[in-house]
Amino acid sequence: MFCDTPGGAQASATVYTMVEMAKAHGLNVEKYLTFLLEKRPHAGMTDAELAKLAPWSDEARAYCGYAQQTAFI
């Protein structure tokens, strides 16, 4: 509805997914998105590098203020 190209729709879906994953893992969403933008993930990263950016990683939890209580969808 708000995306006029398939690429725009894919980008929106990716951002919405990252927001919901951060929420589900008890992270501060704004800090998590900042964390991702600072790390600038790209297609050339190894699986190990990408794993450090996941919302369940120790690095993301330390940066984003992990809350012990998580919400499962």
PDB file of N, CA and C in Angstrom:
ATOM      1  N   MET A   1       0.811  -1.181   0.000  1.00  0.00           N
ATOM      2  CA  MET A   1       0.000   0.000   0.000  1.00  0.00           C
ATOM      3  C   MET A   1       0.870   1.266   0.000  1.00  0.00           C
ATOM      4  N   PHE A   2       1.926   1.289   0.834  1.00  0.00           N
ATOM      5  CA  PHE A   2       2.756   2.480   0.933  1.00  0.00           C
ATOM      6  C   PHE A   2       4.052   2.357   0.149  1.00  0.00           C
ATOM      7  N   CYS A   3       4.306   1.196  -0.408  1.00  0.00           N
ATOM      8  CA  CYS A   3       5.529   0.971  -1.182  1.00  0.00           C
ATOM      9  C   CYS A   3       5.142   0.879  -2.647  1.00  0.00           C
ATOM     10  N   ASP A   4       5.784   1.688  -3.480  1.00  0.00           N
ATOM     11  CA  ASP A   4       5.388   1.686  -4.884  1.00  0.00           C
ATOM     12  C   ASP A   4       6.254   0.790  -5.766  1.00  0.00           C
ATOM     13  N   THR A   5       7.230   0.093  -5.167  1.00  0.00           N
ATOM     14  CA  THR A   5       8.048  -0.845  -5.937  1.00  0.00           C
ATOM     15  C   THR A   5       8.247  -2.115  -5.114  1.00  0.00           C
ATOM     16  N   PRO A   6       8.523  -3.229  -5.782  1.00  0.00           N
ATOM     17  CA  PRO A   6       8.818  -4.457  -5.042  1.00  0.00           C
ATOM     18  C   PRO A   6      10.047  -4.308  -4.137  1.00  0.00           C
ATOM     19  N   GLY A   7      11.042  -3.559  -4.586  1.00  0.00           N
ATOM     20  CA  GLY A   7      12.231  -3.331  -3.762  1.00  0.00           C
ATOM     21  C   GLY A   7      11.906  -2.562  -2.496  1.00  0.00           C
ATOM     22  N   GLY A   8      11.031  -1.569  -2.623  1.00  0.00           N
ATOM     23  CA  GLY A   8      10.599  -0.798  -1.457  1.00  0.00           C
ATOM     24  C   GLY A   8       9.819  -1.651  -0.483  1.00  0.00           C
ATOM     25  N   ALA A   9       8.985  -2.521  -1.001  1.00  0.00           N
ATOM     26  CA  ALA A   9       8.217  -3.426  -0.141  1.00  0.00           C
ATOM     27  C   ALA A   9       9.156  -4.384   0.590  1.00  0.00           C
ATOM     28  N   GLN A  10      10.164  -4.886  -0.101  1.00  0.00           N
ATOM     29  CA  GLN A  10      11.139  -5.797   0.528  1.00  0.00           C
ATOM     30  C   GLN A  10      11.922  -5.067   1.620  1.00  0.00           C
ATOM     31  N   ALA A  11      12.333  -3.843   1.358  1.00  0.00           N
ATOM     32  CA  ALA A  11      13.072  -3.062   2.360  1.00  0.00           C
ATOM     33  C   ALA A  11      12.208  -2.814   3.594  1.00  0.00           C
ATOM     34  N   SER A  12      10.947  -2.470   3.388  1.00  0.00           N
ATOM     35  CA  SER A  12      10.040  -2.241   4.516  1.00  0.00           C
ATOM     36  C   SER A  12       9.847  -3.516   5.325  1.00  0.00           C
ATOM     37  N   ALA A  13       9.669  -4.619   4.655  1.00  0.00           N
ATOM     38  CA  ALA A  13       9.482  -5.898   5.342  1.00  0.00           C
ATOM     39  C   ALA A  13      10.709  -6.257   6.173  1.00  0.00           C
ATOM     40  N   THR A  14      11.892  -5.961   5.653  1.00  0.00           N
ATOM     41  CA  THR A  14      13.129  -6.240   6.384  1.00  0.00           C
ATOM     42  C   THR A  14      13.210  -5.406   7.653  1.00  0.00           C
ATOM     43  N   VAL A  15      12.904  -4.127   7.551  1.00  0.00           N
ATOM     44  CA  VAL A  15      12.951  -3.243   8.727  1.00  0.00           C
ATOM     45  C   VAL A  15      11.910  -3.672   9.755  1.00  0.00           C
ATOM     46  N   TYR A  16      10.693  -3.962   9.320  1.00  0.00           N
ATOM     47  CA  TYR A  16       9.650  -4.391  10.251  1.00  0.00           C
ATOM     48  C   TYR A  16      10.051  -5.684  10.948  1.00  0.00           C
ATOM     49  N   THR A  17      10.681  -6.591  10.217  1.00  0.00           N
ATOM     50  CA  THR A  17      11.142  -7.848  10.808  1.00  0.00           C
ATOM     51  C   THR A  17      12.194  -7.595  11.878  1.00  0.00           C
ATOM     52  N   MET A  18      13.144  -6.710  11.597  1.00  0.00           N
ATOM     53  CA  MET A  18      14.198  -6.414  12.578  1.00  0.00           C
ATOM     54  C   MET A  18      13.609  -5.770  13.840  1.00  0.00           C
ATOM     55  N   VAL A  19      12.631  -4.898  13.670  1.00  0.00           N
ATOM     56  CA  VAL A  19      11.977  -4.262  14.820  1.00  0.00           C
ATOM     57  C   VAL A  19      11.276  -5.313  15.679  1.00  0.00           C
ATOM     58  N   GLU A  20      10.521  -6.190  15.054  1.00  0.00           N
ATOM     59  CA  GLU A  20       9.789  -7.212  15.809  1.00  0.00           C
ATOM     60  C   GLU A  20      10.733  -8.226  16.451  1.00  0.00           C
ATOM     61  N   MET A  21      11.825  -8.550  15.792  1.00  0.00           N
ATOM     62  CA  MET A  21      12.804  -9.467  16.391  1.00  0.00           C
ATOM     63  C   MET A  21      13.456  -8.836  17.617  1.00  0.00           C
ATOM     64  N   ALA A  22      13.755  -7.540  17.536  1.00  0.00           N
ATOM     65  CA  ALA A  22      14.335  -6.840  18.687  1.00  0.00           C
ATOM     66  C   ALA A  22      13.355  -6.864  19.856  1.00  0.00           C
ATOM     67  N   LYS A  23      12.096  -6.575  19.589  1.00  0.00           N
ATOM     68  CA  LYS A  23      11.076  -6.607  20.639  1.00  0.00           C
ATOM     69  C   LYS A  23      10.971  -7.996  21.256  1.00  0.00           C
ATOM     70  N   ALA A  24      10.929  -9.013  20.421  1.00  0.00           N
ATOM     71  CA  ALA A  24      10.770 -10.385  20.896  1.00  0.00           C
ATOM     72  C   ALA A  24      11.943 -10.848  21.748  1.00  0.00           C
ATOM     73  N   HIS A  25      13.103 -10.244  21.551  1.00  0.00           N
ATOM     74  CA  HIS A  25      14.292 -10.639  22.306  1.00  0.00           C
ATOM     75  C   HIS A  25      14.634  -9.653  23.430  1.00  0.00           C
ATOM     76  N   GLY A  26      13.699  -8.762  23.738  1.00  0.00           N
ATOM     77  CA  GLY A  26      13.850  -7.879  24.884  1.00  0.00           C
ATOM     78  C   GLY A  26      14.845  -6.745  24.714  1.00  0.00           C
ATOM     79  N   LEU A  27      15.085  -6.323  23.487  1.00  0.00           N
ATOM     80  CA  LEU A  27      16.031  -5.236  23.246  1.00  0.00           C
ATOM     81  C   LEU A  27      15.312  -3.897  23.103  1.00  0.00           C
ATOM     82  N   ASN A  28      16.010  -2.832  23.389  1.00  0.00           N
ATOM     83  CA  ASN A  28      15.531  -1.490  23.097  1.00  0.00           C
ATOM     84  C   ASN A  28      15.600  -1.344  21.576  1.00  0.00           C
ATOM     85  N   VAL A  29      14.458  -1.180  20.942  1.00  0.00           N
ATOM     86  CA  VAL A  29      14.383  -1.188  19.470  1.00  0.00           C
ATOM     87  C   VAL A  29      15.212  -0.072  18.850  1.00  0.00           C
ATOM     88  N   GLU A  30      15.105   1.127  19.376  1.00  0.00           N
ATOM     89  CA  GLU A  30      15.855   2.251  18.807  1.00  0.00           C
ATOM     90  C   GLU A  30      17.361   1.991  18.887  1.00  0.00           C
ATOM     91  N   LYS A  31      17.818   1.489  20.023  1.00  0.00           N
ATOM     92  CA  LYS A  31      19.244   1.191  20.168  1.00  0.00           C
ATOM     93  C   LYS A  31      19.668   0.056  19.236  1.00  0.00           C
ATOM     94  N   TYR A  32      18.788  -0.937  19.045  1.00  0.00           N
ATOM     95  CA  TYR A  32      19.138  -2.041  18.155  1.00  0.00           C
ATOM     96  C   TYR A  32      19.272  -1.567  16.711  1.00  0.00           C
ATOM     97  N   LEU A  33      18.354  -0.715  16.262  1.00  0.00           N
ATOM     98  CA  LEU A  33      18.463  -0.199  14.899  1.00  0.00           C
ATOM     99  C   LEU A  33      19.709   0.672  14.740  1.00  0.00           C
ATOM    100  N   THR A  34      20.044   1.437  15.767  1.00  0.00           N
ATOM    101  CA  THR A  34      21.281   2.225  15.749  1.00  0.00           C
ATOM    102  C   THR A  34      22.488   1.308  15.677  1.00  0.00           C
ATOM    103  N   PHE A  35      22.465   0.244  16.467  1.00  0.00           N
ATOM    104  CA  PHE A  35      23.530  -0.761  16.476  1.00  0.00           C
ATOM    105  C   PHE A  35      23.735  -1.325  15.065  1.00  0.00           C
ATOM    106  N   LEU A  36      22.641  -1.692  14.401  1.00  0.00           N
ATOM    107  CA  LEU A  36      22.742  -2.246  13.043  1.00  0.00           C
ATOM    108  C   LEU A  36      23.283  -1.213  12.054  1.00  0.00           C
ATOM    109  N   LEU A  37      22.809   0.017  12.158  1.00  0.00           N
ATOM    110  CA  LEU A  37      23.277   1.054  11.229  1.00  0.00           C
ATOM    111  C   LEU A  37      24.753   1.371  11.444  1.00  0.00           C
ATOM    112  N   GLU A  38      25.211   1.322  12.685  1.00  0.00           N
ATOM    113  CA  GLU A  38      26.628   1.565  12.959  1.00  0.00           C
ATOM    114  C   GLU A  38      27.505   0.436  12.430  1.00  0.00           C
ATOM    115  N   LYS A  39      27.010  -0.788  12.492  1.00  0.00           N
ATOM    116  CA  LYS A  39      27.786  -1.955  12.021  1.00  0.00           C
ATOM    117  C   LYS A  39      27.701  -2.128  10.516  1.00  0.00           C
ATOM    118  N   ARG A  40      26.702  -1.544   9.900  1.00  0.00           N
ATOM    119  CA  ARG A  40      26.498  -1.597   8.448  1.00  0.00           C
ATOM    120  C   ARG A  40      26.645  -3.003   7.866  1.00  0.00           C
ATOM    121  N   PRO A  41      25.703  -3.898   8.173  1.00  0.00           N
ATOM    122  CA  PRO A  41      25.777  -5.251   7.611  1.00  0.00           C
ATOM    123  C   PRO A  41      25.721  -5.205   6.080  1.00  0.00           C
ATOM    124  N   HIS A  42      26.441  -6.129   5.452  1.00  0.00           N
ATOM    125  CA  HIS A  42      26.460  -6.185   3.994  1.00  0.00           C
ATOM    126  C   HIS A  42      26.612  -7.630   3.533  1.00  0.00           C
ATOM    127  N   ALA A  43      26.373  -7.854   2.272  1.00  0.00           N
ATOM    128  CA  ALA A  43      26.359  -9.206   1.715  1.00  0.00           C
ATOM    129  C   ALA A  43      27.709  -9.907   1.813  1.00  0.00           C
ATOM    130  N   GLY A  44      28.801  -9.158   1.913  1.00  0.00           N
ATOM    131  CA  GLY A  44      30.127  -9.760   1.972  1.00  0.00           C
ATOM    132  C   GLY A  44      30.550 -10.235   3.360  1.00  0.00           C
ATOM    133  N   MET A  45      29.695 -10.048   4.364  1.00  0.00           N
ATOM    134  CA  MET A  45      30.048 -10.457   5.728  1.00  0.00           C
ATOM    135  C   MET A  45      29.968 -11.970   5.861  1.00  0.00           C
ATOM    136  N   THR A  46      30.819 -12.499   6.724  1.00  0.00           N
ATOM    137  CA  THR A  46      30.787 -13.937   6.994  1.00  0.00           C
ATOM    138  C   THR A  46      29.605 -14.257   7.895  1.00  0.00           C
ATOM    139  N   ASP A  47      29.274 -15.531   7.993  1.00  0.00           N
ATOM    140  CA  ASP A  47      28.189 -15.947   8.879  1.00  0.00           C
ATOM    141  C   ASP A  47      28.491 -15.584  10.330  1.00  0.00           C
ATOM    142  N   ALA A  48      29.743 -15.698  10.732  1.00  0.00           N
ATOM    143  CA  ALA A  48      30.140 -15.357  12.105  1.00  0.00           C
ATOM    144  C   ALA A  48      29.945 -13.863  12.375  1.00  0.00           C
ATOM    145  N   GLU A  49      30.277 -13.033  11.402  1.00  0.00           N
ATOM    146  CA  GLU A  49      30.093 -11.586  11.554  1.00  0.00           C
ATOM    147  C   GLU A  49      28.612 -11.233  11.636  1.00  0.00           C
ATOM    148  N   LEU A  50      27.804 -11.867  10.799  1.00  0.00           N
ATOM    149  CA  LEU A  50      26.370 -11.616  10.820  1.00  0.00           C
ATOM    150  C   LEU A  50      25.738 -12.112  12.121  1.00  0.00           C
ATOM    151  N   ALA A  51      26.224 -13.220  12.644  1.00  0.00           N
ATOM    152  CA  ALA A  51      25.690 -13.767  13.898  1.00  0.00           C
ATOM    153  C   ALA A  51      25.870 -12.778  15.050  1.00  0.00           C
ATOM    154  N   LYS A  52      26.921 -11.981  15.021  1.00  0.00           N
ATOM    155  CA  LYS A  52      27.157 -10.987  16.075  1.00  0.00           C
ATOM    156  C   LYS A  52      26.133  -9.863  16.032  1.00  0.00           C
ATOM    157  N   LEU A  53      25.429  -9.717  14.908  1.00  0.00           N
ATOM    158  CA  LEU A  53      24.433  -8.660  14.756  1.00  0.00           C
ATOM    159  C   LEU A  53      23.019  -9.123  15.107  1.00  0.00           C
ATOM    160  N   ALA A  54      22.842 -10.414  15.311  1.00  0.00           N
ATOM    161  CA  ALA A  54      21.519 -10.956  15.627  1.00  0.00           C
ATOM    162  C   ALA A  54      21.043 -10.441  16.983  1.00  0.00           C
ATOM    163  N   PRO A  55      19.741 -10.269  17.151  1.00  0.00           N
ATOM    164  CA  PRO A  55      19.235  -9.706  18.404  1.00  0.00           C
ATOM    165  C   PRO A  55      19.480 -10.597  19.619  1.00  0.00           C
ATOM    166  N   TRP A  56      19.813 -11.842  19.431  1.00  0.00           N
ATOM    167  CA  TRP A  56      20.098 -12.753  20.547  1.00  0.00           C
ATOM    168  C   TRP A  56      21.594 -12.850  20.852  1.00  0.00           C
ATOM    169  N   SER A  57      22.423 -12.120  20.101  1.00  0.00           N
ATOM    170  CA  SER A  57      23.868 -12.163  20.339  1.00  0.00           C
ATOM    171  C   SER A  57      24.240 -11.374  21.585  1.00  0.00           C
ATOM    172  N   ASP A  58      25.329 -11.772  22.216  1.00  0.00           N
ATOM    173  CA  ASP A  58      25.807 -11.074  23.411  1.00  0.00           C
ATOM    174  C   ASP A  58      26.170  -9.625  23.093  1.00  0.00           C
ATOM    175  N   GLU A  59      26.753  -9.402  21.918  1.00  0.00           N
ATOM    176  CA  GLU A  59      27.152  -8.045  21.524  1.00  0.00           C
ATOM    177  C   GLU A  59      25.936  -7.123  21.391  1.00  0.00           C
ATOM    178  N   ALA A  60      24.887  -7.608  20.746  1.00  0.00           N
ATOM    179  CA  ALA A  60      23.666  -6.808  20.580  1.00  0.00           C
ATOM    180  C   ALA A  60      23.006  -6.564  21.933  1.00  0.00           C
ATOM    181  N   ARG A  61      22.963  -7.577  22.772  1.00  0.00           N
ATOM    182  CA  ARG A  61      22.343  -7.431  24.098  1.00  0.00           C
ATOM    183  C   ARG A  61      23.095  -6.413  24.945  1.00  0.00           C
ATOM    184  N   ALA A  62      24.413  -6.441  24.888  1.00  0.00           N
ATOM    185  CA  ALA A  62      25.215  -5.503  25.675  1.00  0.00           C
ATOM    186  C   ALA A  62      24.998  -4.065  25.195  1.00  0.00           C
ATOM    187  N   TYR A  63      24.913  -3.872  23.903  1.00  0.00           N
ATOM    188  CA  TYR A  63      24.751  -2.532  23.332  1.00  0.00           C
ATOM    189  C   TYR A  63      23.340  -1.987  23.546  1.00  0.00           C
ATOM    190  N   CYS A  64      22.353  -2.855  23.474  1.00  0.00           N
ATOM    191  CA  CYS A  64      20.968  -2.413  23.396  1.00  0.00           C
ATOM    192  C   CYS A  64      20.189  -2.465  24.701  1.00  0.00           C
ATOM    193  N   GLY A  65      20.799  -2.808  25.785  1.00  0.00           N
ATOM    194  CA  GLY A  65      20.066  -2.852  27.037  1.00  0.00           C
ATOM    195  C   GLY A  65      19.096  -3.996  27.102  1.00  0.00           C
ATOM    196  N   TYR A  66      19.618  -5.208  27.096  1.00  0.00           N
ATOM    197  CA  TYR A  66      18.808  -6.422  27.132  1.00  0.00           C
ATOM    198  C   TYR A  66      17.946  -6.469  28.383  1.00  0.00           C
ATOM    199  N   ALA A  67      16.667  -6.718  28.216  1.00  0.00           N
ATOM    200  CA  ALA A  67      15.738  -6.923  29.333  1.00  0.00           C
ATOM    201  C   ALA A  67      15.558  -8.424  29.533  1.00  0.00           C
ATOM    202  N   GLN A  68      15.616  -8.874  30.744  1.00  0.00           N
ATOM    203  CA  GLN A  68      15.524 -10.309  31.034  1.00  0.00           C
ATOM    204  C   GLN A  68      14.234 -10.936  30.544  1.00  0.00           C
ATOM    205  N   GLN A  69      13.153 -10.197  30.601  1.00  0.00           N
ATOM    206  CA  GLN A  69      11.871 -10.727  30.214  1.00  0.00           C
ATOM    207  C   GLN A  69      11.684 -10.564  28.708  1.00  0.00           C
ATOM    208  N   THR A  70      11.383 -11.646  28.015  1.00  0.00           N
ATOM    209  CA  THR A  70      11.167 -11.572  26.566  1.00  0.00           C
ATOM    210  C   THR A  70       9.734 -11.908  26.229  1.00  0.00           C
ATOM    211  N   ALA A  71       9.283 -11.413  25.128  1.00  0.00           N
ATOM    212  CA  ALA A  71       7.927 -11.700  24.656  1.00  0.00           C
ATOM    213  C   ALA A  71       8.019 -12.656  23.484  1.00  0.00           C
ATOM    214  N   PHE A  72       7.321 -13.745  23.562  1.00  0.00           N
ATOM    215  CA  PHE A  72       7.311 -14.711  22.469  1.00  0.00           C
ATOM    216  C   PHE A  72       6.026 -14.558  21.679  1.00  0.00           C
ATOM    217  N   ILE A  73       6.203 -14.509  20.381  1.00  0.00           N
ATOM    218  CA  ILE A  73       5.055 -14.304  19.497  1.00  0.00           C
ATOM    219  C   ILE A  73       4.531 -15.639  19.040  1.00  0.00           C
TER     220      ILE A  73
END
